[in-house]
PDB file of N, CA and C in Angstrom:
ATOM      1  N   MET A   1     101.031 -29.238  13.429  1.00  0.00           N
ATOM      2  CA  MET A   1      99.689 -28.810  13.762  1.00  0.00           C
ATOM      3  C   MET A   1      99.767 -27.955  15.025  1.00  0.00           C
ATOM      4  N   ARG A   2      98.979 -26.898  15.020  1.00  0.00           N
ATOM      5  CA  ARG A   2      98.854 -26.021  16.186  1.00  0.00           C
ATOM      6  C   ARG A   2      97.377 -25.932  16.549  1.00  0.00           C
ATOM      7  N   ILE A   3      97.102 -26.009  17.840  1.00  0.00           N
ATOM      8  CA  ILE A   3      95.733 -25.862  18.325  1.00  0.00           C
ATOM      9  C   ILE A   3      95.727 -24.736  19.347  1.00  0.00           C
ATOM     10  N   SER A   4      94.884 -23.736  19.097  1.00  0.00           N
ATOM     11  CA  SER A   4      94.747 -22.602  20.013  1.00  0.00           C
ATOM     12  C   SER A   4      93.362 -22.632  20.633  1.00  0.00           C
ATOM     13  N   ILE A   5      93.296 -22.208  21.879  1.00  0.00           N
ATOM     14  CA  ILE A   5      92.014 -22.157  22.572  1.00  0.00           C
ATOM     15  C   ILE A   5      91.943 -20.869  23.378  1.00  0.00           C
ATOM     16  N   LYS A   6      90.752 -20.297  23.400  1.00  0.00           N
ATOM     17  CA  LYS A   6      90.490 -19.111  24.214  1.00  0.00           C
ATOM     18  C   LYS A   6      89.194 -19.367  24.962  1.00  0.00           C
ATOM     19  N   GLU A   7      89.240 -19.172  26.261  1.00  0.00           N
ATOM     20  CA  GLU A   7      88.064 -19.386  27.102  1.00  0.00           C
ATOM     21  C   GLU A   7      87.483 -18.029  27.473  1.00  0.00           C
ATOM     22  N   ASN A   8      86.180 -17.868  27.271  1.00  0.00           N
ATOM     23  CA  ASN A   8      85.491 -16.624  27.596  1.00  0.00           C
ATOM     24  C   ASN A   8      84.277 -16.927  28.450  1.00  0.00           C
ATOM     25  N   GLY A   9      83.844 -15.926  29.225  1.00  0.00           N
ATOM     26  CA  GLY A   9      82.635 -16.071  30.024  1.00  0.00           C
ATOM     27  C   GLY A   9      82.899 -16.763  31.337  1.00  0.00           C
ATOM     28  N   GLY A  10      81.834 -16.952  32.067  1.00  0.00           N
ATOM     29  CA  GLY A  10      81.934 -17.586  33.371  1.00  0.00           C
ATOM     30  C   GLY A  10      82.049 -16.546  34.467  1.00  0.00           C
ATOM     31  N   PRO A  11      81.836 -16.955  35.713  1.00  0.00           N
ATOM     32  CA  PRO A  11      81.806 -16.009  36.827  1.00  0.00           C
ATOM     33  C   PRO A  11      83.145 -15.324  37.110  1.00  0.00           C
ATOM     34  N   ALA A  12      84.261 -15.943  36.772  1.00  0.00           N
ATOM     35  CA  ALA A  12      85.574 -15.357  37.066  1.00  0.00           C
ATOM     36  C   ALA A  12      86.242 -14.803  35.815  1.00  0.00           C
ATOM     37  N   PHE A  13      85.455 -14.462  34.794  1.00  0.00           N
ATOM     38  CA  PHE A  13      86.002 -14.011  33.519  1.00  0.00           C
ATOM     39  C   PHE A  13      86.413 -12.544  33.585  1.00  0.00           C
ATOM     40  N   PHE A  14      87.644 -12.253  33.168  1.00  0.00           N
ATOM     41  CA  PHE A  14      88.150 -10.892  33.042  1.00  0.00           C
ATOM     42  C   PHE A  14      88.587 -10.698  31.595  1.00  0.00           C
ATOM     43  N   PRO A  15      87.831  -9.920  30.793  1.00  0.00           N
ATOM     44  CA  PRO A  15      88.111  -9.798  29.360  1.00  0.00           C
ATOM     45  C   PRO A  15      89.552  -9.435  29.031  1.00  0.00           C
ATOM     46  N   GLY A  16      90.172  -8.562  29.783  1.00  0.00           N
ATOM     47  CA  GLY A  16      91.541  -8.155  29.485  1.00  0.00           C
ATOM     48  C   GLY A  16      92.564  -9.257  29.693  1.00  0.00           C
ATOM     49  N   LEU A  17      92.200 -10.260  30.467  1.00  0.00           N
ATOM     50  CA  LEU A  17      93.127 -11.360  30.752  1.00  0.00           C
ATOM     51  C   LEU A  17      92.906 -12.572  29.858  1.00  0.00           C
ATOM     52  N   ALA A  18      91.860 -12.545  29.062  1.00  0.00           N
ATOM     53  CA  ALA A  18      91.519 -13.695  28.215  1.00  0.00           C
ATOM     54  C   ALA A  18      92.362 -13.675  26.945  1.00  0.00           C
ATOM     55  N   GLN A  19      93.436 -14.391  26.955  1.00  0.00           N
ATOM     56  CA  GLN A  19      94.317 -14.492  25.798  1.00  0.00           C
ATOM     57  C   GLN A  19      94.290 -15.924  25.274  1.00  0.00           C
ATOM     58  N   PRO A  20      94.340 -16.084  23.953  1.00  0.00           N
ATOM     59  CA  PRO A  20      94.412 -17.451  23.419  1.00  0.00           C
ATOM     60  C   PRO A  20      95.708 -18.129  23.867  1.00  0.00           C
ATOM     61  N   ARG A  21      95.628 -19.410  24.116  1.00  0.00           N
ATOM     62  CA  ARG A  21      96.801 -20.222  24.450  1.00  0.00           C
ATOM     63  C   ARG A  21      96.913 -21.294  23.383  1.00  0.00           C
ATOM     64  N   SER A  22      98.135 -21.665  23.031  1.00  0.00           N
ATOM     65  CA  SER A  22      98.346 -22.609  21.930  1.00  0.00           C
ATOM     66  C   SER A  22      99.154 -23.815  22.362  1.00  0.00           C
ATOM     67  N   VAL A  23      98.894 -24.910  21.661  1.00  0.00           N
ATOM     68  CA  VAL A  23      99.656 -26.145  21.810  1.00  0.00           C
ATOM     69  C   VAL A  23     100.260 -26.455  20.448  1.00  0.00           C
ATOM     70  N   GLU A  24     101.584 -26.572  20.402  1.00  0.00           N
ATOM     71  CA  GLU A  24     102.286 -27.004  19.193  1.00  0.00           C
ATOM     72  C   GLU A  24     102.478 -28.510  19.307  1.00  0.00           C
ATOM     73  N   LEU A  25     101.837 -29.252  18.433  1.00  0.00           N
ATOM     74  CA  LEU A  25     101.909 -30.704  18.551  1.00  0.00           C
ATOM     75  C   LEU A  25     103.324 -31.233  18.413  1.00  0.00           C
ATOM     76  N   ASP A  26     104.151 -30.588  17.585  1.00  0.00           N
ATOM     77  CA  ASP A  26     105.528 -31.054  17.394  1.00  0.00           C
ATOM     78  C   ASP A  26     106.339 -31.017  18.689  1.00  0.00           C
ATOM     79  N   ALA A  27     105.929 -30.191  19.643  1.00  0.00           N
ATOM     80  CA  ALA A  27     106.662 -30.061  20.902  1.00  0.00           C
ATOM     81  C   ALA A  27     106.213 -31.080  21.949  1.00  0.00           C
ATOM     82  N   LEU A  28     105.194 -31.861  21.623  1.00  0.00           N
ATOM     83  CA  LEU A  28     104.646 -32.832  22.574  1.00  0.00           C
ATOM     84  C   LEU A  28     105.220 -34.227  22.335  1.00  0.00           C
ATOM     85  N   PRO A  29     105.167 -35.086  23.351  1.00  0.00           N
ATOM     86  CA  PRO A  29     105.541 -36.487  23.146  1.00  0.00           C
ATOM     87  C   PRO A  29     104.632 -37.127  22.086  1.00  0.00           C
ATOM     88  N   GLU A  30     105.137 -38.132  21.419  1.00  0.00           N
ATOM     89  CA  GLU A  30     104.416 -38.786  20.315  1.00  0.00           C
ATOM     90  C   GLU A  30     103.015 -39.247  20.721  1.00  0.00           C
ATOM     91  N   GLN A  31     102.890 -39.813  21.902  1.00  0.00           N
ATOM     92  CA  GLN A  31     101.588 -40.314  22.358  1.00  0.00           C
ATOM     93  C   GLN A  31     100.571 -39.171  22.466  1.00  0.00           C
ATOM     94  N   ASP A  32     100.998 -38.026  22.980  1.00  0.00           N
ATOM     95  CA  ASP A  32     100.100 -36.871  23.101  1.00  0.00           C
ATOM     96  C   ASP A  32      99.738 -36.309  21.732  1.00  0.00           C
ATOM     97  N   GLN A  33     100.707 -36.288  20.821  1.00  0.00           N
ATOM     98  CA  GLN A  33     100.427 -35.845  19.452  1.00  0.00           C
ATOM     99  C   GLN A  33      99.349 -36.720  18.823  1.00  0.00           C
ATOM    100  N   GLN A  34      99.509 -38.032  18.965  1.00  0.00           N
ATOM    101  CA  GLN A  34      98.542 -38.964  18.385  1.00  0.00           C
ATOM    102  C   GLN A  34      97.160 -38.772  18.992  1.00  0.00           C
ATOM    103  N   GLU A  35      97.102 -38.568  20.310  1.00  0.00           N
ATOM    104  CA  GLU A  35      95.814 -38.369  20.974  1.00  0.00           C
ATOM    105  C   GLU A  35      95.109 -37.126  20.422  1.00  0.00           C
ATOM    106  N   LEU A  36      95.829 -36.018  20.305  1.00  0.00           N
ATOM    107  CA  LEU A  36      95.217 -34.783  19.811  1.00  0.00           C
ATOM    108  C   LEU A  36      94.805 -34.914  18.349  1.00  0.00           C
ATOM    109  N   ARG A  37      95.653 -35.521  17.522  1.00  0.00           N
ATOM    110  CA  ARG A  37      95.293 -35.720  16.108  1.00  0.00           C
ATOM    111  C   ARG A  37      94.037 -36.591  15.984  1.00  0.00           C
ATOM    112  N   GLN A  38      93.960 -37.625  16.802  1.00  0.00           N
ATOM    113  CA  GLN A  38      92.794 -38.509  16.775  1.00  0.00           C
ATOM    114  C   GLN A  38      91.533 -37.751  17.195  1.00  0.00           C
ATOM    115  N   LEU A  39      91.642 -36.900  18.206  1.00  0.00           N
ATOM    116  CA  LEU A  39      90.484 -36.122  18.654  1.00  0.00           C
ATOM    117  C   LEU A  39      90.036 -35.115  17.592  1.00  0.00           C
ATOM    118  N   VAL A  40      90.985 -34.508  16.879  1.00  0.00           N
ATOM    119  CA  VAL A  40      90.632 -33.594  15.780  1.00  0.00           C
ATOM    120  C   VAL A  40      89.874 -34.370  14.712  1.00  0.00           C
ATOM    121  N   GLU A  41      90.370 -35.567  14.389  1.00  0.00           N
ATOM    122  CA  GLU A  41      89.727 -36.393  13.364  1.00  0.00           C
ATOM    123  C   GLU A  41      88.350 -36.881  13.824  1.00  0.00           C
ATOM    124  N   GLU A  42      88.264 -37.410  15.048  1.00  0.00           N
ATOM    125  CA  GLU A  42      86.994 -37.946  15.556  1.00  0.00           C
ATOM    126  C   GLU A  42      85.915 -36.871  15.658  1.00  0.00           C
ATOM    127  N   SER A  43      86.314 -35.649  15.983  1.00  0.00           N
ATOM    128  CA  SER A  43      85.340 -34.558  16.102  1.00  0.00           C
ATOM    129  C   SER A  43      84.960 -33.979  14.744  1.00  0.00           C
ATOM    130  N   LYS A  44      85.653 -34.445  13.677  1.00  0.00           N
ATOM    131  CA  LYS A  44      85.430 -33.902  12.330  1.00  0.00           C
ATOM    132  C   LYS A  44      85.552 -32.378  12.368  1.00  0.00           C
ATOM    133  N   PHE A  45      86.596 -31.917  13.060  1.00  0.00           N
ATOM    134  CA  PHE A  45      86.767 -30.499  13.341  1.00  0.00           C
ATOM    135  C   PHE A  45      86.718 -29.633  12.087  1.00  0.00           C
ATOM    136  N   PHE A  46      87.413 -30.038  11.041  1.00  0.00           N
ATOM    137  CA  PHE A  46      87.475 -29.214   9.830  1.00  0.00           C
ATOM    138  C   PHE A  46      86.153 -29.199   9.060  1.00  0.00           C
ATOM    139  N   GLN A  47      85.216 -30.079   9.413  1.00  0.00           N
ATOM    140  CA  GLN A  47      83.897 -30.077   8.781  1.00  0.00           C
ATOM    141  C   GLN A  47      82.843 -29.352   9.627  1.00  0.00           C
ATOM    142  N   LEU A  48      83.186 -28.993  10.858  1.00  0.00           N
ATOM    143  CA  LEU A  48      82.230 -28.290  11.716  1.00  0.00           C
ATOM    144  C   LEU A  48      81.957 -26.897  11.160  1.00  0.00           C
ATOM    145  N   PRO A  49      80.744 -26.379  11.384  1.00  0.00           N
ATOM    146  CA  PRO A  49      80.450 -25.027  10.915  1.00  0.00           C
ATOM    147  C   PRO A  49      81.354 -24.011  11.608  1.00  0.00           C
ATOM    148  N   GLN A  50      81.868 -23.093  10.810  1.00  0.00           N
ATOM    149  CA  GLN A  50      82.680 -22.034  11.390  1.00  0.00           C
ATOM    150  C   GLN A  50      81.726 -21.093  12.109  1.00  0.00           C
ATOM    151  N   SER A  51      81.983 -20.857  13.364  1.00  0.00           N
ATOM    152  CA  SER A  51      81.038 -20.127  14.194  1.00  0.00           C
ATOM    153  C   SER A  51      81.599 -18.789  14.618  1.00  0.00           C
ATOM    154  N   THR A  52      80.699 -17.898  14.966  1.00  0.00           N
ATOM    155  CA  THR A  52      81.078 -16.668  15.636  1.00  0.00           C
ATOM    156  C   THR A  52      80.727 -16.851  17.098  1.00  0.00           C
ATOM    157  N   GLN A  53      80.988 -15.847  17.901  1.00  0.00           N
ATOM    158  CA  GLN A  53      80.686 -15.957  19.327  1.00  0.00           C
ATOM    159  C   GLN A  53      79.223 -16.315  19.512  1.00  0.00           C
ATOM    160  N   PRO A  54      78.939 -17.392  20.217  1.00  0.00           N
ATOM    161  CA  PRO A  54      77.550 -17.814  20.385  1.00  0.00           C
ATOM    162  C   PRO A  54      76.771 -16.835  21.248  1.00  0.00           C
ATOM    163  N   SER A  55      75.501 -16.701  20.909  1.00  0.00           N
ATOM    164  CA  SER A  55      74.642 -15.877  21.753  1.00  0.00           C
ATOM    165  C   SER A  55      74.217 -16.707  22.951  1.00  0.00           C
ATOM    166  N   GLY A  56      73.677 -16.075  23.920  1.00  0.00           N
ATOM    167  CA  GLY A  56      73.259 -16.787  25.119  1.00  0.00           C
ATOM    168  C   GLY A  56      73.605 -15.965  26.334  1.00  0.00           C
ATOM    169  N   ASN A  57      73.637 -16.594  27.444  1.00  0.00           N
ATOM    170  CA  ASN A  57      73.951 -15.943  28.699  1.00  0.00           C
ATOM    171  C   ASN A  57      75.395 -15.447  28.671  1.00  0.00           C
ATOM    172  N   PRO A  58      75.649 -14.135  28.865  1.00  0.00           N
ATOM    173  CA  PRO A  58      77.018 -13.637  28.822  1.00  0.00           C
ATOM    174  C   PRO A  58      77.909 -14.243  29.902  1.00  0.00           C
ATOM    175  N   GLY A  59      77.313 -14.791  30.961  1.00  0.00           N
ATOM    176  CA  GLY A  59      78.097 -15.433  31.999  1.00  0.00           C
ATOM    177  C   GLY A  59      78.433 -16.877  31.705  1.00  0.00           C
ATOM    178  N   GLN A  60      77.908 -17.399  30.591  1.00  0.00           N
ATOM    179  CA  GLN A  60      78.149 -18.797  30.238  1.00  0.00           C
ATOM    180  C   GLN A  60      79.522 -18.936  29.578  1.00  0.00           C
ATOM    181  N   VAL A  61      80.250 -19.966  29.945  1.00  0.00           N
ATOM    182  CA  VAL A  61      81.576 -20.212  29.384  1.00  0.00           C
ATOM    183  C   VAL A  61      81.448 -20.653  27.935  1.00  0.00           C
ATOM    184  N   HIS A  62      82.305 -20.094  27.077  1.00  0.00           N
ATOM    185  CA  HIS A  62      82.409 -20.593  25.711  1.00  0.00           C
ATOM    186  C   HIS A  62      83.880 -20.609  25.312  1.00  0.00           C
ATOM    187  N   TYR A  63      84.178 -21.487  24.371  1.00  0.00           N
ATOM    188  CA  TYR A  63      85.543 -21.703  23.922  1.00  0.00           C
ATOM    189  C   TYR A  63      85.653 -21.367  22.444  1.00  0.00           C
ATOM    190  N   THR A  64      86.734 -20.683  22.089  1.00  0.00           N
ATOM    191  CA  THR A  64      87.074 -20.463  20.691  1.00  0.00           C
ATOM    192  C   THR A  64      88.292 -21.334  20.422  1.00  0.00           C
ATOM    193  N   LEU A  65      88.123 -22.286  19.531  1.00  0.00           N
ATOM    194  CA  LEU A  65      89.153 -23.280  19.239  1.00  0.00           C
ATOM    195  C   LEU A  65      89.574 -23.130  17.789  1.00  0.00           C
ATOM    196  N   THR A  66      90.883 -22.996  17.550  1.00  0.00           N
ATOM    197  CA  THR A  66      91.419 -22.873  16.196  1.00  0.00           C
ATOM    198  C   THR A  66      92.448 -23.971  15.978  1.00  0.00           C
ATOM    199  N   VAL A  67      92.288 -24.711  14.885  1.00  0.00           N
ATOM    200  CA  VAL A  67      93.252 -25.742  14.513  1.00  0.00           C
ATOM    201  C   VAL A  67      93.896 -25.315  13.202  1.00  0.00           C
ATOM    202  N   THR A  68      95.231 -25.288  13.194  1.00  0.00           N
ATOM    203  CA  THR A  68      95.997 -24.945  12.005  1.00  0.00           C
ATOM    204  C   THR A  68      96.849 -26.150  11.641  1.00  0.00           C
ATOM    205  N   GLU A  69      96.697 -26.594  10.405  1.00  0.00           N
ATOM    206  CA  GLU A  69      97.479 -27.727   9.910  1.00  0.00           C
ATOM    207  C   GLU A  69      97.903 -27.400   8.492  1.00  0.00           C
ATOM    208  N   GLY A  70      99.186 -27.098   8.320  1.00  0.00           N
ATOM    209  CA  GLY A  70      99.664 -26.702   6.995  1.00  0.00           C
ATOM    210  C   GLY A  70      98.951 -25.448   6.531  1.00  0.00           C
ATOM    211  N   GLU A  71      98.321 -25.533   5.365  1.00  0.00           N
ATOM    212  CA  GLU A  71      97.597 -24.399   4.793  1.00  0.00           C
ATOM    213  C   GLU A  71      96.173 -24.283   5.335  1.00  0.00           C
ATOM    214  N   ARG A  72      95.710 -25.315   6.026  1.00  0.00           N
ATOM    215  CA  ARG A  72      94.330 -25.302   6.544  1.00  0.00           C
ATOM    216  C   ARG A  72      94.283 -24.655   7.918  1.00  0.00           C
ATOM    217  N   GLU A  73      93.243 -23.839   8.125  1.00  0.00           N
ATOM    218  CA  GLU A  73      92.973 -23.282   9.441  1.00  0.00           C
ATOM    219  C   GLU A  73      91.467 -23.182   9.593  1.00  0.00           C
ATOM    220  N   HIS A  74      90.984 -23.588  10.759  1.00  0.00           N
ATOM    221  CA  HIS A  74      89.542 -23.566  10.993  1.00  0.00           C
ATOM    222  C   HIS A  74      89.296 -23.163  12.442  1.00  0.00           C
ATOM    223  N   THR A  75      88.285 -22.329  12.662  1.00  0.00           N
ATOM    224  CA  THR A  75      87.940 -21.850  13.994  1.00  0.00           C
ATOM    225  C   THR A  75      86.485 -22.174  14.292  1.00  0.00           C
ATOM    226  N   VAL A  76      86.244 -22.651  15.492  1.00  0.00           N
ATOM    227  CA  VAL A  76      84.898 -22.972  15.949  1.00  0.00           C
ATOM    228  C   VAL A  76      84.730 -22.371  17.343  1.00  0.00           C
ATOM    229  N   CYS A  77      83.576 -21.790  17.598  1.00  0.00           N
ATOM    230  CA  CYS A  77      83.250 -21.247  18.912  1.00  0.00           C
ATOM    231  C   CYS A  77      82.064 -22.034  19.461  1.00  0.00           C
ATOM    232  N   VAL A  78      82.218 -22.603  20.656  1.00  0.00           N
ATOM    233  CA  VAL A  78      81.180 -23.466  21.230  1.00  0.00           C
ATOM    234  C   VAL A  78      80.913 -23.107  22.686  1.00  0.00           C
ATOM    235  N   LEU A  79      79.665 -23.308  23.090  1.00  0.00           N
ATOM    236  CA  LEU A  79      79.272 -23.093  24.482  1.00  0.00           C
ATOM    237  C   LEU A  79      79.590 -24.318  25.327  1.00  0.00           C
ATOM    238  N   ALA A  80      79.898 -24.090  26.599  1.00  0.00           N
ATOM    239  CA  ALA A  80      80.053 -25.187  27.550  1.00  0.00           C
ATOM    240  C   ALA A  80      78.687 -25.473  28.170  1.00  0.00           C
ATOM    241  N   PRO A  81      78.311 -26.703  28.414  1.00  0.00           N
ATOM    242  CA  PRO A  81      79.069 -27.913  28.124  1.00  0.00           C
ATOM    243  C   PRO A  81      79.117 -28.178  26.620  1.00  0.00           C
ATOM    244  N   VAL A  82      80.287 -28.577  26.162  1.00  0.00           N
ATOM    245  CA  VAL A  82      80.543 -28.752  24.731  1.00  0.00           C
ATOM    246  C   VAL A  82      79.898 -30.030  24.227  1.00  0.00           C
ATOM    247  N   LYS A  83      79.208 -29.914  23.126  1.00  0.00           N
ATOM    248  CA  LYS A  83      78.622 -31.055  22.413  1.00  0.00           C
ATOM    249  C   LYS A  83      79.092 -30.971  20.980  1.00  0.00           C
ATOM    250  N   PRO A  84      79.324 -32.022  20.301  1.00  0.00           N
ATOM    251  CA  PRO A  84      79.242 -33.429  20.682  1.00  0.00           C
ATOM    252  C   PRO A  84      80.417 -33.841  21.577  1.00  0.00           C
ATOM    253  N   GLN A  85      80.333 -35.046  22.070  1.00  0.00           N
ATOM    254  CA  GLN A  85      81.317 -35.565  23.013  1.00  0.00           C
ATOM    255  C   GLN A  85      82.732 -35.561  22.441  1.00  0.00           C
ATOM    256  N   ALA A  86      82.883 -35.868  21.155  1.00  0.00           N
ATOM    257  CA  ALA A  86      84.218 -35.898  20.550  1.00  0.00           C
ATOM    258  C   ALA A  86      84.855 -34.509  20.584  1.00  0.00           C
ATOM    259  N   LEU A  87      84.060 -33.470  20.343  1.00  0.00           N
ATOM    260  CA  LEU A  87      84.585 -32.104  20.387  1.00  0.00           C
ATOM    261  C   LEU A  87      84.918 -31.710  21.824  1.00  0.00           C
ATOM    262  N   ASP A  88      84.105 -32.133  22.775  1.00  0.00           N
ATOM    263  CA  ASP A  88      84.400 -31.869  24.182  1.00  0.00           C
ATOM    264  C   ASP A  88      85.716 -32.534  24.578  1.00  0.00           C
ATOM    265  N   GLY A  89      85.949 -33.744  24.095  1.00  0.00           N
ATOM    266  CA  GLY A  89      87.209 -34.428  24.378  1.00  0.00           C
ATOM    267  C   GLY A  89      88.400 -33.635  23.871  1.00  0.00           C
ATOM    268  N   LEU A  90      88.266 -33.042  22.686  1.00  0.00           N
ATOM    269  CA  LEU A  90      89.337 -32.220  22.122  1.00  0.00           C
ATOM    270  C   LEU A  90      89.560 -30.981  22.985  1.00  0.00           C
ATOM    271  N   VAL A  91      88.488 -30.291  23.346  1.00  0.00           N
ATOM    272  CA  VAL A  91      88.598 -29.087  24.181  1.00  0.00           C
ATOM    273  C   VAL A  91      89.284 -29.423  25.505  1.00  0.00           C
ATOM    274  N   GLN A  92      88.855 -30.489  26.157  1.00  0.00           N
ATOM    275  CA  GLN A  92      89.422 -30.851  27.461  1.00  0.00           C
ATOM    276  C   GLN A  92      90.891 -31.259  27.346  1.00  0.00           C
ATOM    277  N   CYS A  93      91.245 -31.965  26.285  1.00  0.00           N
ATOM    278  CA  CYS A  93      92.631 -32.385  26.090  1.00  0.00           C
ATOM    279  C   CYS A  93      93.537 -31.173  25.854  1.00  0.00           C
ATOM    280  N   VAL A  94      93.084 -30.230  25.038  1.00  0.00           N
ATOM    281  CA  VAL A  94      93.869 -29.016  24.783  1.00  0.00           C
ATOM    282  C   VAL A  94      94.019 -28.227  26.085  1.00  0.00           C
ATOM    283  N   ARG A  95      92.940 -28.076  26.837  1.00  0.00           N
ATOM    284  CA  ARG A  95      93.008 -27.353  28.114  1.00  0.00           C
ATOM    285  C   ARG A  95      94.012 -28.017  29.058  1.00  0.00           C
ATOM    286  N   ARG A  96      94.034 -29.326  29.068  1.00  0.00           N
ATOM    287  CA  ARG A  96      94.976 -30.061  29.923  1.00  0.00           C
ATOM    288  C   ARG A  96      96.421 -29.759  29.515  1.00  0.00           C
ATOM    289  N   HIS A  97      96.687 -29.696  28.217  1.00  0.00           N
ATOM    290  CA  HIS A  97      98.053 -29.463  27.741  1.00  0.00           C
ATOM    291  C   HIS A  97      98.518 -28.024  27.945  1.00  0.00           C
ATOM    292  N   ILE A  98      97.618 -27.062  27.915  1.00  0.00           N
ATOM    293  CA  ILE A  98      98.063 -25.679  28.116  1.00  0.00           C
ATOM    294  C   ILE A  98      98.337 -25.386  29.587  1.00  0.00           C
ATOM    295  N   ARG A  99      97.865 -26.225  30.478  1.00  0.00           N
ATOM    296  CA  ARG A  99      98.132 -26.049  31.911  1.00  0.00           C
ATOM    297  C   ARG A  99      99.477 -26.638  32.313  1.00  0.00           C
ATOM    298  N   CYS A 100     100.032 -27.494  31.485  1.00  0.00           N
ATOM    299  CA  CYS A 100     101.302 -28.170  31.824  1.00  0.00           C
ATOM    300  C   CYS A 100     102.454 -27.192  31.869  1.00  0.00           C
TER     301      CYS A 100
END
């Protein structure tokens, strides 16, 4: 499984520097893999509506999250603060892993 995230918007946003970052679950320790898989499942990620860039304040932070598992791939774009809580947990966990 691969999870990619791209953060856009916010006061310090520079469009040319906004590149997606990815986490390959196979490269993580087993405990981290399980945590991310559980968050994908709890958020019902593959059942969420596939979104385009949300409208709203252009300065507002939004995340584009893509999960690829085998032949399945799904992308969701959400505004911060992220709702529901399970999806926010997934976003925060992925952000934590790409900073490592």
